[in-house]
Amino acid sequence: MVTNPVTSVLDLFQETGAYLKGHFRLTSGLHSPEYLQCALVLQHPRHAETLGKALGEGLAALTGSQKIHTVVSPAMGGLIIGHEVAGGPGGGRPREQPRRGGGGSSGPRGWGGGGGV
């Protein structure tokens, strides 16, 4: 386990070139001298797993004894980290969203129809 999660996360972003410095105009209209390009770090499965586990542990600490049943992540840019968080502490195995019109799906790794997250 990581002793200082903030330093460790920043190290992962720096190692992968995902911690960018310069002048960035954010979608909010604000400006920033630094930017974290998550896609660059999450393209490495080992790092995605590490970050997902850390987020899952943080969520588990916040929820205490309450079990997390559902993890929702945006389709654009959030699936990888959502998948890793769902597989973390208190989560079950990830599964695909059922197809419209009934009939489940059997996901790429056979997740469909299993226990929910």
Protein backbone atom coordinates (compact mmCIF):
# COMPACT_ATOMS: atom_id res chain seq x y z
CA MET A 1 0.00 0.00 0.00
CA VAL A 2 1.10 3.54 -0.70
CA THR A 3 2.14 5.59 2.32
CA ASN A 4 1.50 9.01 0.75
CA PRO A 5 -1.20 8.67 -1.90
CA VAL A 6 -0.90 12.26 -3.16
CA THR A 7 2.81 11.92 -3.89
CA SER A 8 2.32 8.47 -5.40
CA VAL A 9 -0.48 9.64 -7.73
CA LEU A 10 1.55 12.63 -8.86
CA ASP A 11 4.54 10.33 -9.44
CA LEU A 12 2.42 8.10 -11.72
CA PHE A 13 1.29 11.11 -13.73
CA GLN A 14 4.87 12.40 -14.02
CA GLU A 15 6.28 8.98 -15.00
CA THR A 16 3.81 8.65 -17.87
CA GLY A 17 4.05 12.23 -19.11
CA ALA A 18 0.47 12.87 -18.01
CA TYR A 19 1.39 15.77 -15.70
CA LEU A 20 1.61 18.72 -18.05
CA LYS A 21 2.94 22.21 -17.33
CA GLY A 22 2.28 25.26 -19.44
CA HIS A 23 -0.78 27.44 -19.99
CA PHE A 24 -4.11 25.68 -20.18
CA ARG A 25 -7.58 27.13 -20.70
CA LEU A 26 -9.97 24.78 -18.95
CA THR A 27 -13.50 24.05 -20.15
CA SER A 28 -14.74 26.15 -17.23
CA GLY A 29 -13.00 29.15 -18.81
CA LEU A 30 -10.45 29.30 -16.00
CA HIS A 31 -6.72 29.11 -16.70
CA SER A 32 -4.18 26.78 -15.11
CA PRO A 33 -0.39 26.39 -15.25
CA GLU A 34 -0.77 22.61 -14.74
CA TYR A 35 -2.98 19.89 -16.20
CA LEU A 36 -3.42 16.18 -15.48
CA GLN A 37 -4.10 14.25 -18.71
CA CYS A 38 -5.77 11.18 -17.24
CA ALA A 39 -5.89 9.24 -20.52
CA LEU A 40 -2.09 9.18 -20.65
CA VAL A 41 -1.77 7.51 -17.25
CA LEU A 42 -4.84 5.26 -17.59
CA GLN A 43 -3.55 3.72 -20.82
CA HIS A 44 -1.22 1.70 -18.59
CA PRO A 45 -3.29 -1.11 -17.03
CA ARG A 46 -1.05 -1.40 -13.97
CA HIS A 47 -1.44 2.32 -13.21
CA ALA A 48 -5.19 2.24 -13.91
CA GLU A 49 -5.53 -0.60 -11.42
CA THR A 50 -3.44 1.24 -8.80
CA LEU A 51 -5.44 4.45 -9.15
CA GLY A 52 -8.78 2.60 -9.23
CA LYS A 53 -7.91 0.68 -6.08
CA ALA A 54 -6.91 3.91 -4.32
CA LEU A 55 -10.20 5.56 -5.31
CA GLY A 56 -12.15 2.46 -4.24
CA GLU A 57 -10.39 2.43 -0.87
CA GLY A 58 -11.18 6.12 -0.44
CA LEU A 59 -14.84 5.49 -1.21
CA ALA A 60 -14.91 2.53 1.17
CA ALA A 61 -13.45 4.73 3.92
CA LEU A 62 -16.10 7.38 3.29
CA THR A 63 -19.00 4.92 3.28
CA GLY A 64 -17.81 2.91 6.28
CA SER A 65 -19.68 -0.36 6.65
CA GLN A 66 -22.13 0.51 3.87
CA LYS A 67 -21.57 -1.69 0.80
CA ILE A 68 -21.21 0.06 -2.55
CA HIS A 69 -23.66 -1.56 -4.97
CA THR A 70 -23.25 0.59 -8.08
CA VAL A 71 -20.41 2.48 -9.71
CA VAL A 72 -21.43 4.80 -12.54
CA SER A 73 -18.84 6.30 -14.86
CA PRO A 74 -19.14 8.41 -18.00
CA ALA A 75 -18.72 6.64 -21.33
CA MET A 76 -16.21 9.19 -22.59
CA GLY A 77 -13.05 8.91 -20.56
CA GLY A 78 -14.49 7.29 -17.46
CA LEU A 79 -14.95 3.62 -18.27
CA ILE A 80 -11.44 2.49 -17.40
CA ILE A 81 -11.30 4.13 -13.99
CA GLY A 82 -14.94 3.18 -13.27
CA HIS A 83 -14.11 -0.44 -14.07
CA GLU A 84 -11.15 -0.40 -11.69
CA VAL A 85 -13.10 1.31 -8.89
CA ALA A 86 -15.94 -1.21 -9.25
CA GLY A 87 -13.54 -4.12 -8.81
CA GLY A 88 -12.07 -2.59 -5.66
CA PRO A 89 -12.96 -2.94 -1.97
CA GLY A 90 -16.65 -3.55 -1.37
CA GLY A 91 -17.37 -3.95 -5.07
CA GLY A 92 -18.35 -7.02 -6.99
CA ARG A 93 -17.34 -7.96 -10.50
CA PRO A 94 -18.05 -5.30 -13.12
CA ARG A 95 -20.80 -6.02 -15.62
CA GLU A 96 -22.17 -4.41 -18.74
CA GLN A 97 -25.37 -2.47 -18.90
CA PRO A 98 -28.20 -4.72 -20.19
CA ARG A 99 -29.24 -4.22 -23.81
CA ARG A 100 -32.50 -2.47 -24.59
CA GLY A 101 -35.48 -4.67 -25.29
CA GLY A 102 -34.63 -7.29 -22.69
CA GLY A 103 -32.07 -9.99 -22.98
CA GLY A 104 -28.92 -9.38 -21.02
CA SER A 105 -25.47 -9.08 -22.41
CA SER A 106 -22.56 -11.32 -21.77
CA GLY A 107 -19.81 -8.70 -21.80
CA PRO A 108 -16.34 -9.25 -23.17
CA ARG A 109 -15.27 -11.27 -20.12
CA GLY A 110 -18.58 -12.92 -19.32
CA TRP A 111 -19.59 -10.31 -16.72
CA GLY A 112 -23.22 -9.95 -17.77
CA GLY A 113 -25.84 -11.48 -15.54
CA GLY A 114 -23.46 -11.94 -12.62
CA GLY A 115 -23.66 -10.29 -9.24
CA GLY A 116 -24.07 -6.53 -9.51
CA VAL A 117 -21.72 -3.88 -8.38
